[in-house]
C-alpha atoms as a PDB file:
ATOM      1  CA  MET A   1     -24.883  12.455 -19.334  1.00  0.00           C
ATOM      2  CA  ALA A   2     -25.589   8.720 -19.176  1.00  0.00           C
ATOM      3  CA  GLU A   3     -24.302   8.337 -22.743  1.00  0.00           C
ATOM      4  CA  LEU A   4     -21.071  10.149 -21.796  1.00  0.00           C
ATOM      5  CA  ILE A   5     -20.516   7.891 -18.788  1.00  0.00           C
ATOM      6  CA  THR A   6     -21.178   4.772 -20.860  1.00  0.00           C
ATOM      7  CA  GLN A   7     -18.651   5.934 -23.456  1.00  0.00           C
ATOM      8  CA  ARG A   8     -16.099   6.635 -20.711  1.00  0.00           C
ATOM      9  CA  ALA A   9     -16.615   3.156 -19.267  1.00  0.00           C
ATOM     10  CA  ASP A  10     -16.080   1.650 -22.721  1.00  0.00           C
ATOM     11  CA  ASN A  11     -12.870   3.665 -23.134  1.00  0.00           C
ATOM     12  CA  LEU A  12     -11.600   2.513 -19.741  1.00  0.00           C
ATOM     13  CA  SER A  13     -12.263  -1.131 -20.592  1.00  0.00           C
ATOM     14  CA  GLY A  14      -9.613  -0.993 -23.322  1.00  0.00           C
ATOM     15  CA  LEU A  15      -6.787  -0.106 -20.902  1.00  0.00           C
ATOM     16  CA  ALA A  16      -4.294  -2.625 -19.538  1.00  0.00           C
ATOM     17  CA  VAL A  17      -5.208  -2.080 -15.897  1.00  0.00           C
ATOM     18  CA  PHE A  18      -8.806  -3.153 -16.631  1.00  0.00           C
ATOM     19  CA  ALA A  19      -7.928  -6.308 -18.558  1.00  0.00           C
ATOM     20  CA  ASP A  20     -10.158  -8.416 -16.270  1.00  0.00           C
ATOM     21  CA  CYS A  21     -13.130  -6.030 -16.443  1.00  0.00           C
ATOM     22  CA  PHE A  22     -16.105  -5.584 -18.745  1.00  0.00           C
ATOM     23  CA  GLY A  23     -17.448  -2.171 -19.687  1.00  0.00           C
ATOM     24  CA  ALA A  24     -20.427  -2.648 -17.383  1.00  0.00           C
ATOM     25  CA  ASP A  25     -18.048  -3.245 -14.432  1.00  0.00           C
ATOM     26  CA  LEU A  26     -16.580   0.207 -14.974  1.00  0.00           C
ATOM     27  CA  TYR A  27     -19.750   2.296 -15.017  1.00  0.00           C
ATOM     28  CA  GLY A  28     -19.577   3.156 -11.304  1.00  0.00           C
ATOM     29  CA  LEU A  29     -15.938   4.232 -11.578  1.00  0.00           C
ATOM     30  CA  ALA A  30     -16.661   6.229 -14.728  1.00  0.00           C
ATOM     31  CA  THR A  31     -19.226   8.334 -12.867  1.00  0.00           C
ATOM     32  CA  ARG A  32     -16.582   9.349 -10.289  1.00  0.00           C
ATOM     33  CA  LEU A  33     -13.816  10.380 -12.701  1.00  0.00           C
ATOM     34  CA  GLU A  34     -13.018  13.765 -14.198  1.00  0.00           C
ATOM     35  CA  PRO A  35     -11.267  14.348 -17.545  1.00  0.00           C
ATOM     36  CA  LEU A  36      -7.523  15.027 -17.369  1.00  0.00           C
ATOM     37  CA  ARG A  37      -5.404  16.808 -19.983  1.00  0.00           C
ATOM     38  CA  LEU A  38      -1.712  17.687 -19.623  1.00  0.00           C
ATOM     39  CA  ASN A  39       0.829  19.312 -21.896  1.00  0.00           C
ATOM     40  CA  ALA A  40       4.416  18.092 -22.104  1.00  0.00           C
ATOM     41  CA  GLY A  41       6.254  19.415 -19.055  1.00  0.00           C
ATOM     42  CA  ASP A  42       3.182  19.782 -16.836  1.00  0.00           C
ATOM     43  CA  VAL A  43       3.687  18.455 -13.303  1.00  0.00           C
ATOM     44  CA  LEU A  44       0.840  16.217 -12.158  1.00  0.00           C
ATOM     45  CA  MET A  45       2.194  15.254  -8.711  1.00  0.00           C
ATOM     46  CA  ARG A  46       5.122  16.354  -6.554  1.00  0.00           C
ATOM     47  CA  GLN A  47       7.174  14.193  -4.224  1.00  0.00           C
ATOM     48  CA  GLY A  48       6.256  14.887  -0.602  1.00  0.00           C
ATOM     49  CA  ASP A  49       2.810  16.350  -1.357  1.00  0.00           C
ATOM     50  CA  THR A  50      -0.277  15.065   0.422  1.00  0.00           C
ATOM     51  CA  SER A  51      -2.058  12.483  -1.746  1.00  0.00           C
ATOM     52  CA  HIS A  52      -5.668  13.182  -2.567  1.00  0.00           C
ATOM     53  CA  PHE A  53      -6.116  11.866  -6.122  1.00  0.00           C
ATOM     54  CA  PHE A  54      -4.888   9.351  -8.677  1.00  0.00           C
ATOM     55  CA  ALA A  55      -4.836   9.454 -12.465  1.00  0.00           C
ATOM     56  CA  ILE A  56      -5.546   6.968 -15.237  1.00  0.00           C
ATOM     57  CA  ILE A  57      -3.600   7.569 -18.443  1.00  0.00           C
ATOM     58  CA  ALA A  58      -5.561   6.971 -21.651  1.00  0.00           C
ATOM     59  CA  ASP A  59      -2.848   8.173 -24.053  1.00  0.00           C
ATOM     60  CA  GLY A  60       0.484   9.936 -23.839  1.00  0.00           C
ATOM     61  CA  ALA A  61       3.429   9.289 -21.530  1.00  0.00           C
ATOM     62  CA  LEU A  62       4.599  10.380 -18.089  1.00  0.00           C
ATOM     63  CA  ALA A  63       7.843  10.233 -16.122  1.00  0.00           C
ATOM     64  CA  ILE A  64       7.951   9.292 -12.440  1.00  0.00           C
ATOM     65  CA  ARG A  65      10.972  10.856 -10.701  1.00  0.00           C
ATOM     66  CA  HIS A  66      12.062   9.889  -7.187  1.00  0.00           C
ATOM     67  CA  GLN A  67      14.848  11.681  -5.329  1.00  0.00           C
ATOM     68  CA  ASP A  68      16.402   9.939  -2.344  1.00  0.00           C
ATOM     69  CA  ASP A  69      17.893  11.533   0.770  1.00  0.00           C
ATOM     70  CA  ASN A  70      21.301  11.745  -0.922  1.00  0.00           C
ATOM     71  CA  GLY A  71      19.944  13.686  -3.878  1.00  0.00           C
ATOM     72  CA  SER A  72      20.148  10.783  -6.346  1.00  0.00           C
ATOM     73  CA  THR A  73      17.279  10.656  -8.822  1.00  0.00           C
ATOM     74  CA  VAL A  74      15.589   7.627 -10.400  1.00  0.00           C
ATOM     75  CA  GLU A  75      13.230   8.078 -13.342  1.00  0.00           C
ATOM     76  CA  ILE A  76      10.623   5.591 -14.580  1.00  0.00           C
ATOM     77  CA  ALA A  77       8.641   5.961 -17.790  1.00  0.00           C
ATOM     78  CA  VAL A  78       4.894   5.370 -17.549  1.00  0.00           C
ATOM     79  CA  PRO A  79       3.084   4.368 -20.744  1.00  0.00           C
ATOM     80  CA  ALA A  80      -0.578   4.807 -21.596  1.00  0.00           C
ATOM     81  CA  GLY A  81      -2.991   2.401 -19.970  1.00  0.00           C
ATOM     82  CA  GLU A  82      -1.573   2.664 -16.457  1.00  0.00           C
ATOM     83  CA  VAL A  83      -2.483   4.350 -13.176  1.00  0.00           C
ATOM     84  CA  VAL A  84      -0.272   6.868 -11.343  1.00  0.00           C
ATOM     85  CA  GLY A  85      -0.578   8.093  -7.783  1.00  0.00           C
ATOM     86  CA  GLU A  86      -1.567   4.636  -6.556  1.00  0.00           C
ATOM     87  CA  ILE A  87       1.369   4.163  -4.167  1.00  0.00           C
ATOM     88  CA  ALA A  88       0.510   7.046  -1.866  1.00  0.00           C
ATOM     89  CA  LEU A  89      -3.148   6.015  -1.732  1.00  0.00           C
ATOM     90  CA  LEU A  90      -2.363   2.331  -1.156  1.00  0.00           C
ATOM     91  CA  LYS A  91       0.101   3.185   1.620  1.00  0.00           C
ATOM     92  CA  ASN A  92      -1.817   6.232   2.955  1.00  0.00           C
ATOM     93  CA  GLN A  93       1.289   8.419   2.907  1.00  0.00           C
ATOM     94  CA  PRO A  94       2.660  11.477   1.064  1.00  0.00           C
ATOM     95  CA  ARG A  95       3.748  11.190  -2.557  1.00  0.00           C
ATOM     96  CA  VAL A  96       6.937   9.156  -2.924  1.00  0.00           C
ATOM     97  CA  ALA A  97       7.764  10.649  -6.338  1.00  0.00           C
ATOM     98  CA  SER A  98       6.965  13.467  -8.726  1.00  0.00           C
ATOM     99  CA  VAL A  99       5.037  12.791 -11.933  1.00  0.00           C
ATOM    100  CA  THR A 100       5.522  14.924 -15.043  1.00  0.00           C
ATOM    101  CA  ALA A 101       4.014  14.655 -18.525  1.00  0.00           C
ATOM    102  CA  THR A 102       6.629  13.966 -21.200  1.00  0.00           C
ATOM    103  CA  THR A 103       4.093  14.254 -24.035  1.00  0.00           C
ATOM    104  CA  GLU A 104       0.561  15.551 -24.296  1.00  0.00           C
ATOM    105  CA  VAL A 105      -1.523  13.354 -22.010  1.00  0.00           C
ATOM    106  CA  HIS A 106      -5.219  12.560 -21.886  1.00  0.00           C
ATOM    107  CA  GLY A 107      -6.966  10.540 -19.241  1.00  0.00           C
ATOM    108  CA  TRP A 108      -8.967  10.872 -16.065  1.00  0.00           C
ATOM    109  CA  ARG A 109      -8.396  11.715 -12.419  1.00  0.00           C
ATOM    110  CA  GLY A 110     -10.271  10.487  -9.383  1.00  0.00           C
ATOM    111  CA  ASP A 111     -10.468  11.235  -5.674  1.00  0.00           C
ATOM    112  CA  ASP A 112     -10.383   8.895  -2.657  1.00  0.00           C
ATOM    113  CA  ALA A 113     -13.951   7.741  -3.288  1.00  0.00           C
ATOM    114  CA  ALA A 114     -13.065   6.902  -6.884  1.00  0.00           C
ATOM    115  CA  PHE A 115      -9.984   5.012  -5.690  1.00  0.00           C
ATOM    116  CA  ALA A 116     -12.128   2.949  -3.320  1.00  0.00           C
ATOM    117  CA  GLU A 117     -14.313   2.096  -6.332  1.00  0.00           C
ATOM    118  CA  LEU A 118     -11.242   1.361  -8.462  1.00  0.00           C
ATOM    119  CA  ILE A 119      -9.689  -1.234  -6.175  1.00  0.00           C
ATOM    120  CA  GLN A 120     -12.940  -3.199  -5.919  1.00  0.00           C
ATOM    121  CA  LEU A 121     -12.899  -3.952  -9.646  1.00  0.00           C
ATOM    122  CA  PRO A 122     -11.885  -7.468 -10.828  1.00  0.00           C
ATOM    123  CA  GLY A 123      -8.114  -7.893 -10.954  1.00  0.00           C
ATOM    124  CA  VAL A 124      -7.341  -4.212 -10.425  1.00  0.00           C
ATOM    125  CA  LEU A 125      -5.999  -4.265  -6.861  1.00  0.00           C
ATOM    126  CA  ARG A 126      -3.669  -7.168  -7.700  1.00  0.00           C
ATOM    127  CA  HIS A 127      -2.427  -5.250 -10.755  1.00  0.00           C
ATOM    128  CA  LEU A 128      -1.934  -2.005  -8.813  1.00  0.00           C
ATOM    129  CA  VAL A 129      -0.043  -3.688  -5.975  1.00  0.00           C
ATOM    130  CA  ARG A 130       2.285  -5.452  -8.433  1.00  0.00           C
ATOM    131  CA  ILE A 131       2.964  -2.215 -10.338  1.00  0.00           C
ATOM    132  CA  ALA A 132       3.464  -0.285  -7.085  1.00  0.00           C
ATOM    133  CA  ARG A 133       6.005  -2.854  -5.880  1.00  0.00           C
ATOM    134  CA  GLN A 134       7.875  -2.622  -9.179  1.00  0.00           C
ATOM    135  CA  ARG A 135       7.979   1.175  -9.007  1.00  0.00           C
ATOM    136  CA  LEU A 136       9.157   1.163  -5.405  1.00  0.00           C
ATOM    137  CA  ALA A 137      11.780  -1.470  -6.212  1.00  0.00           C
ATOM    138  CA  ALA A 138      13.195   0.871  -8.856  1.00  0.00           C
ATOM    139  CA  PHE A 139      13.868   3.422  -6.106  1.00  0.00           C
ATOM    140  CA  LEU A 140      15.985   1.001  -4.051  1.00  0.00           C
ATOM    141  CA  ALA A 141      19.771   1.389  -4.042  1.00  0.00           C
ATOM    142  CA  PRO A 142      21.561  -1.719  -5.400  1.00  0.00           C
ATOM    143  CA  ILE A 143      24.302  -3.480  -3.443  1.00  0.00           C
ATOM    144  CA  SER A 144      27.870  -3.532  -4.732  1.00  0.00           C
ATOM    145  CA  VAL A 145      29.353  -7.049  -4.701  1.00  0.00           C
ATOM    146  CA  ARG A 146      32.763  -8.432  -5.683  1.00  0.00           C
ATOM    147  CA  MET A 147      33.248 -11.895  -7.156  1.00  0.00           C
ATOM    148  CA  ARG A 148      36.197 -14.144  -6.378  1.00  0.00           C
ATOM    149  CA  ASP A 149      38.016 -13.034  -9.548  1.00  0.00           C
ATOM    150  CA  GLY A 150      37.753  -9.397  -8.434  1.00  0.00           C
ATOM    151  CA  ALA A 151      34.948  -8.456 -10.837  1.00  0.00           C
ATOM    152  CA  GLN A 152      32.421  -6.042  -9.352  1.00  0.00           C
ATOM    153  CA  PHE A 153      28.695  -6.020  -9.986  1.00  0.00           C
ATOM    154  CA  LEU A 154      25.504  -4.582  -8.544  1.00  0.00           C
ATOM    155  CA  LEU A 155      22.771  -6.726  -7.008  1.00  0.00           C
ATOM    156  CA  ARG A 156      19.160  -5.558  -7.016  1.00  0.00           C
ATOM    157  CA  PRO A 157      15.625  -6.881  -7.479  1.00  0.00           C
ATOM    158  CA  ALA A 158      14.558  -7.349 -11.103  1.00  0.00           C
ATOM    159  CA  LEU A 159      12.683  -4.491 -12.778  1.00  0.00           C
ATOM    160  CA  PRO A 160      10.315  -4.575 -15.781  1.00  0.00           C
ATOM    161  CA  GLY A 161      12.866  -2.790 -17.983  1.00  0.00           C
ATOM    162  CA  ASP A 162      15.317  -5.652 -17.488  1.00  0.00           C
ATOM    163  CA  LYS A 163      13.448  -7.694 -20.087  1.00  0.00           C
ATOM    164  CA  GLU A 164      14.689  -5.318 -22.797  1.00  0.00           C
ATOM    165  CA  ILE A 165      18.218  -5.232 -21.352  1.00  0.00           C
ATOM    166  CA  ALA A 166      18.409  -9.032 -21.074  1.00  0.00           C
ATOM    167  CA  GLY A 167      17.096  -9.467 -24.604  1.00  0.00           C
ATOM    168  CA  LYS A 168      19.200  -6.791 -26.326  1.00  0.00           C
ATOM    169  CA  GLY A 169      22.088  -6.072 -23.960  1.00  0.00           C
ATOM    170  CA  HIS A 170      25.793  -6.721 -24.384  1.00  0.00           C
ATOM    171  CA  VAL A 171      25.848  -9.949 -22.348  1.00  0.00           C
ATOM    172  CA  ALA A 172      25.560 -13.145 -24.419  1.00  0.00           C
ATOM    173  CA  PHE A 173      23.238 -15.974 -23.389  1.00  0.00           C
ATOM    174  CA  SER A 174      24.008 -18.719 -25.891  1.00  0.00           C
ATOM    175  CA  ALA A 175      21.558 -21.321 -27.151  1.00  0.00           C
ATOM    176  CA  GLU A 176      23.240 -23.875 -24.885  1.00  0.00           C
ATOM    177  CA  THR A 177      22.884 -21.604 -21.829  1.00  0.00           C
ATOM    178  CA  ARG A 178      19.232 -20.972 -22.650  1.00  0.00           C
ATOM    179  CA  TYR A 179      18.665 -24.689 -23.143  1.00  0.00           C
ATOM    180  CA  ARG A 180      20.083 -25.507 -19.714  1.00  0.00           C
ATOM    181  CA  ARG A 181      17.798 -22.890 -18.176  1.00  0.00           C
ATOM    182  CA  PHE A 182      14.569 -23.270 -20.198  1.00  0.00           C
ATOM    183  CA  MET A 183      15.057 -26.801 -21.621  1.00  0.00           C
ATOM    184  CA  SER A 184      14.420 -25.341 -25.071  1.00  0.00           C
ATOM    185  CA  PHE A 185      16.581 -23.881 -27.823  1.00  0.00           C
ATOM    186  CA  ARG A 186      13.894 -21.355 -28.756  1.00  0.00           C
ATOM    187  CA  GLU A 187      14.411 -17.668 -28.152  1.00  0.00           C
ATOM    188  CA  PRO A 188      12.339 -16.591 -25.137  1.00  0.00           C
ATOM    189  CA  SER A 189       9.052 -15.094 -26.332  1.00  0.00           C
ATOM    190  CA  PRO A 190       8.003 -11.535 -25.376  1.00  0.00           C
ATOM    191  CA  GLU A 191       5.365 -13.085 -23.120  1.00  0.00           C
ATOM    192  CA  LEU A 192       7.984 -15.178 -21.325  1.00  0.00           C
ATOM    193  CA  MET A 193      10.285 -12.170 -20.908  1.00  0.00           C
ATOM    194  CA  THR A 194       7.404 -10.227 -19.357  1.00  0.00           C
ATOM    195  CA  TYR A 195       6.758 -13.106 -16.957  1.00  0.00           C
ATOM    196  CA  LEU A 196      10.448 -13.327 -16.048  1.00  0.00           C
ATOM    197  CA  PHE A 197      10.943  -9.657 -15.193  1.00  0.00           C
ATOM    198  CA  GLU A 198       7.551  -8.116 -14.325  1.00  0.00           C
ATOM    199  CA  VAL A 199       7.268  -9.843 -10.955  1.00  0.00           C
ATOM    200  CA  ASP A 200       5.539  -9.147  -7.644  1.00  0.00           C
ATOM    201  CA  TYR A 201       8.544  -9.913  -5.320  1.00  0.00           C
ATOM    202  CA  VAL A 202       6.269 -11.880  -2.981  1.00  0.00           C
ATOM    203  CA  ASP A 203       5.260 -15.015  -4.862  1.00  0.00           C
ATOM    204  CA  HIS A 204       7.829 -14.473  -7.619  1.00  0.00           C
ATOM    205  CA  PHE A 205      11.096 -12.894  -6.476  1.00  0.00           C
ATOM    206  CA  VAL A 206      14.064 -12.237  -8.782  1.00  0.00           C
ATOM    207  CA  TRP A 207      17.574 -10.986  -8.111  1.00  0.00           C
ATOM    208  CA  VAL A 208      19.538  -9.617 -11.046  1.00  0.00           C
ATOM    209  CA  LEU A 209      23.274  -9.026 -11.123  1.00  0.00           C
ATOM    210  CA  ILE A 210      24.200  -6.107 -13.369  1.00  0.00           C
ATOM    211  CA  THR A 211      27.313  -4.327 -14.591  1.00  0.00           C
ATOM    212  CA  ALA A 212      28.040  -0.652 -13.966  1.00  0.00           C
ATOM    213  CA  ASP A 213      26.544  -0.048 -17.435  1.00  0.00           C
ATOM    214  CA  ASP A 214      23.283  -1.749 -16.353  1.00  0.00           C
ATOM    215  CA  ASP A 215      23.766  -4.897 -18.439  1.00  0.00           C
ATOM    216  CA  VAL A 216      22.087  -7.936 -16.885  1.00  0.00           C
ATOM    217  CA  VAL A 217      24.785 -10.560 -16.225  1.00  0.00           C
ATOM    218  CA  ALA A 218      22.656 -13.124 -14.390  1.00  0.00           C
ATOM    219  CA  ASP A 219      19.387 -13.644 -12.586  1.00  0.00           C
ATOM    220  CA  ALA A 220      18.113 -15.994  -9.905  1.00  0.00           C
ATOM    221  CA  ARG A 221      14.525 -16.449  -8.831  1.00  0.00           C
ATOM    222  CA  PHE A 222      12.113 -18.336  -6.656  1.00  0.00           C
ATOM    223  CA  VAL A 223       8.500 -18.872  -7.664  1.00  0.00           C
ATOM    224  CA  ARG A 224       6.067 -20.125  -5.056  1.00  0.00           C
ATOM    225  CA  ASP A 225       4.118 -23.259  -5.913  1.00  0.00           C
ATOM    226  CA  GLU A 226       0.962 -21.252  -5.202  1.00  0.00           C
ATOM    227  CA  ALA A 227       0.227 -17.868  -3.654  1.00  0.00           C
ATOM    228  CA  GLY A 228       1.476 -17.717  -0.086  1.00  0.00           C
ATOM    229  CA  ALA A 229       2.960 -21.227  -0.140  1.00  0.00           C
ATOM    230  CA  SER A 230       6.070 -22.033   1.886  1.00  0.00           C
ATOM    231  CA  SER A 231       7.592 -23.986  -1.030  1.00  0.00           C
ATOM    232  CA  ALA A 232       9.072 -22.375  -4.139  1.00  0.00           C
ATOM    233  CA  GLU A 233      10.923 -23.468  -7.267  1.00  0.00           C
ATOM    234  CA  VAL A 234      14.357 -21.953  -7.892  1.00  0.00           C
ATOM    235  CA  ALA A 235      16.145 -21.228 -11.171  1.00  0.00           C
ATOM    236  CA  PHE A 236      19.296 -19.407 -12.318  1.00  0.00           C
ATOM    237  CA  ILE A 237      20.841 -18.189 -15.541  1.00  0.00           C
ATOM    238  CA  VAL A 238      24.324 -16.669 -15.988  1.00  0.00           C
ATOM    239  CA  GLY A 239      25.702 -15.061 -19.140  1.00  0.00           C
ATOM    240  CA  ASP A 240      28.277 -17.142 -20.997  1.00  0.00           C
ATOM    241  CA  GLU A 241      31.381 -15.046 -20.342  1.00  0.00           C
ATOM    242  CA  TYR A 242      30.552 -14.775 -16.621  1.00  0.00           C
ATOM    243  CA  GLN A 243      30.147 -18.474 -15.902  1.00  0.00           C
ATOM    244  CA  GLY A 244      32.603 -20.242 -13.623  1.00  0.00           C
ATOM    245  CA  ASN A 245      33.504 -17.342 -11.328  1.00  0.00           C
ATOM    246  CA  GLY A 246      31.082 -17.973  -8.473  1.00  0.00           C
ATOM    247  CA  ILE A 247      28.112 -15.896  -9.633  1.00  0.00           C
ATOM    248  CA  GLY A 248      25.657 -18.800  -9.436  1.00  0.00           C
ATOM    249  CA  SER A 249      26.825 -19.740  -5.938  1.00  0.00           C
ATOM    250  CA  PHE A 250      26.536 -16.136  -4.776  1.00  0.00           C
ATOM    251  CA  LEU A 251      23.037 -15.764  -6.218  1.00  0.00           C
ATOM    252  CA  MET A 252      21.943 -18.951  -4.473  1.00  0.00           C
ATOM    253  CA  LYS A 253      23.002 -17.408  -1.168  1.00  0.00           C
ATOM    254  CA  ALA A 254      21.217 -14.142  -1.950  1.00  0.00           C
ATOM    255  CA  LEU A 255      18.110 -16.060  -3.009  1.00  0.00           C
ATOM    256  CA  ALA A 256      18.095 -18.097   0.200  1.00  0.00           C
ATOM    257  CA  ILE A 257      18.287 -14.906   2.265  1.00  0.00           C
ATOM    258  CA  ALA A 258      15.378 -13.360   0.316  1.00  0.00           C
ATOM    259  CA  ALA A 259      13.346 -16.568   0.628  1.00  0.00           C
ATOM    260  CA  LYS A 260      13.711 -16.524   4.412  1.00  0.00           C
ATOM    261  CA  VAL A 261      12.504 -12.910   4.455  1.00  0.00           C
ATOM    262  CA  ALA A 262       9.505 -13.941   2.349  1.00  0.00           C
ATOM    263  CA  GLY A 263       8.643 -16.931   4.554  1.00  0.00           C
ATOM    264  CA  VAL A 264       9.676 -19.595   2.024  1.00  0.00           C
ATOM    265  CA  GLU A 265      10.991 -22.666   3.837  1.00  0.00           C
ATOM    266  CA  GLU A 266      11.524 -25.176   1.020  1.00  0.00           C
ATOM    267  CA  PHE A 267      13.176 -24.991  -2.399  1.00  0.00           C
ATOM    268  CA  THR A 268      12.421 -27.295  -5.299  1.00  0.00           C
ATOM    269  CA  ALA A 269      14.384 -27.476  -8.528  1.00  0.00           C
ATOM    270  CA  ARG A 270      13.870 -29.199 -11.871  1.00  0.00           C
ATOM    271  CA  VAL A 271      16.986 -29.267 -14.049  1.00  0.00           C
ATOM    272  CA  LEU A 272      18.620 -31.182 -16.869  1.00  0.00           C
ATOM    273  CA  SER A 273      20.638 -34.056 -15.451  1.00  0.00           C
ATOM    274  CA  GLU A 274      23.651 -32.750 -17.432  1.00  0.00           C
ATOM    275  CA  ASN A 275      23.396 -29.279 -15.830  1.00  0.00           C
ATOM    276  CA  MET A 276      26.163 -30.014 -13.351  1.00  0.00           C
ATOM    277  CA  SER A 277      26.856 -26.353 -12.524  1.00  0.00           C
ATOM    278  CA  MET A 278      23.405 -25.822 -10.999  1.00  0.00           C
ATOM    279  CA  ARG A 279      23.381 -29.265  -9.437  1.00  0.00           C
ATOM    280  CA  ARG A 280      26.685 -28.561  -7.676  1.00  0.00           C
ATOM    281  CA  ILE A 281      25.336 -25.274  -6.333  1.00  0.00           C
ATOM    282  CA  LEU A 282      22.357 -27.047  -4.774  1.00  0.00           C
ATOM    283  CA  ASP A 283      24.445 -30.066  -3.724  1.00  0.00           C
ATOM    284  CA  ALA A 284      26.338 -27.758  -1.377  1.00  0.00           C
ATOM    285  CA  TYR A 285      23.112 -27.357   0.622  1.00  0.00           C
ATOM    286  CA  GLY A 286      22.095 -30.997   0.726  1.00  0.00           C
ATOM    287  CA  ALA A 287      20.165 -31.546  -2.510  1.00  0.00           C
ATOM    288  CA  VAL A 288      19.192 -35.160  -3.197  1.00  0.00           C
ATOM    289  CA  TRP A 289      18.271 -35.745  -6.833  1.00  0.00           C
ATOM    290  CA  GLU A 290      15.613 -38.029  -8.290  1.00  0.00           C
ATOM    291  CA  ARG A 291      14.927 -38.759 -11.927  1.00  0.00           C
ATOM    292  CA  GLU A 292      11.690 -37.161 -13.113  1.00  0.00           C
ATOM    293  CA  ASP A 293      11.931 -37.758 -16.863  1.00  0.00           C
ATOM    294  CA  LEU A 294      14.483 -38.695 -19.482  1.00  0.00           C
ATOM    295  CA  GLY A 295      17.393 -36.335 -18.912  1.00  0.00           C
ATOM    296  CA  VAL A 296      15.612 -34.384 -16.131  1.00  0.00           C
ATOM    297  CA  VAL A 297      16.151 -34.578 -12.364  1.00  0.00           C
ATOM    298  CA  ILE A 298      14.348 -32.932  -9.470  1.00  0.00           C
ATOM    299  CA  THR A 299      15.095 -32.155  -5.842  1.00  0.00           C
ATOM    300  CA  THR A 300      13.378 -30.760  -2.772  1.00  0.00           C
ATOM    301  CA  MET A 301      15.429 -29.252   0.039  1.00  0.00           C
ATOM    302  CA  PRO A 302      15.076 -26.863   2.991  1.00  0.00           C
ATOM    303  CA  VAL A 303      16.021 -23.235   2.323  1.00  0.00           C
ATOM    304  CA  PRO A 304      19.541 -22.873   3.773  1.00  0.00           C
ATOM    305  CA  GLU A 305      19.778 -21.096   7.113  1.00  0.00           C
ATOM    306  CA  ARG A 306      21.904 -17.952   7.424  1.00  0.00           C
ATOM    307  CA  SER A 307      24.416 -19.938   9.486  1.00  0.00           C
ATOM    308  CA  ARG A 308      25.146 -22.131   6.427  1.00  0.00           C
ATOM    309  CA  ILE A 309      25.536 -19.231   4.030  1.00  0.00           C
ATOM    310  CA  ARG A 310      29.134 -18.112   3.781  1.00  0.00           C
ATOM    311  CA  LEU A 311      28.853 -14.388   3.241  1.00  0.00           C
ATOM    312  CA  PRO A 312      30.268 -11.490   5.253  1.00  0.00           C
ATOM    313  CA  THR A 313      27.730 -10.525   7.909  1.00  0.00           C
ATOM    314  CA  LYS A 314      27.446  -6.957   6.637  1.00  0.00           C
ATOM    315  CA  LEU A 315      26.749  -8.107   3.081  1.00  0.00           C
ATOM    316  CA  ALA A 316      24.200 -10.697   4.211  1.00  0.00           C
ATOM    317  CA  ASP A 317      22.453  -8.036   6.291  1.00  0.00           C
ATOM    318  CA  GLN A 318      22.391  -5.672   3.295  1.00  0.00           C
ATOM    319  CA  ILE A 319      20.881  -8.380   1.094  1.00  0.00           C
ATOM    320  CA  ALA A 320      18.227  -9.192   3.697  1.00  0.00           C
ATOM    321  CA  ALA A 321      17.358  -5.510   4.090  1.00  0.00           C
ATOM    322  CA  LEU A 322      17.070  -4.967   0.317  1.00  0.00           C
ATOM    323  CA  ALA A 323      14.895  -8.071  -0.083  1.00  0.00           C
ATOM    324  CA  ARG A 324      12.703  -6.944   2.802  1.00  0.00           C
ATOM    325  CA  GLN A 325      12.220  -3.514   1.222  1.00  0.00           C
ATOM    326  CA  ALA A 326      11.069  -5.083  -2.040  1.00  0.00           C
ATOM    327  CA  ILE A 327       8.914  -7.805  -0.491  1.00  0.00           C
ATOM    328  CA  GLN A 328       7.233  -5.590   2.099  1.00  0.00           C
ATOM    329  CA  ALA A 329       7.036  -2.441  -0.025  1.00  0.00           C
ATOM    330  CA  VAL A 330       3.231  -2.520  -0.132  1.00  0.00           C
ATOM    331  CA  GLY A 331       1.506  -4.100   2.825  1.00  0.00           C
END
């Protein structure tokens, strides 16, 4: 029996969720888990059911399906190496989605006692909360917005899948646009794309503006200087063909609203001195620029108050509500 548990702990240590753990850290959890095997089409969890277990996926794939009150369904793919059922246990509420195997699945399942053991492991609770926030954000309804040229888009928090859309979608981000944003002509690495779109919405919040076909047109983000800090750095990027029609200005307003919800009081920015489009956006809210390096300027400014943000009240309220849902999704 001891040999079996040791082998299980070693198997667990190779999964993404346990990246900060050693095999020895996982022995206690391994003793509390039971083997799990599913065939394609098997339902593991149903939306609305009482939560009394979670599952760790060793290999295979699952689909999480959430149906809202209007009958609309959102589906998220879950790869091997992740945990499912964590949201209901973290929030102590019924299942928020159904989970179905899309291939043959092997892994383990654990009860409440096993979950208590799980979240004590190094790095695991932080990982689970971030993943839970991302999954809940995927269930949120985006906001329809119209630009000054009449073009319509959808605004929503960034999701992990956006890294593939932004990298391979139909919207062009030229070398010059990337240079203004990243101060480099290099293509963003896979690691950078993961950082940009797999966020926690609390210390790193990102709005994306998308087309009706789900192409990412632009994004805007704030990243706190350190966890829980009241100061955060802001950055924007807008696809080439969409520049010059007010998208950056709109995203600045949406970002300021989200920052206030999150308790951020001060924005900083570090941009190329020649990046006049972003500088003008921040100038409208009182930015004062200082030279930091050759060709680079910086500014620090208060997050604009709602009274200074020129948006229809209903739209501003919708943006604040959507940001609040993402930021406060997991207490």
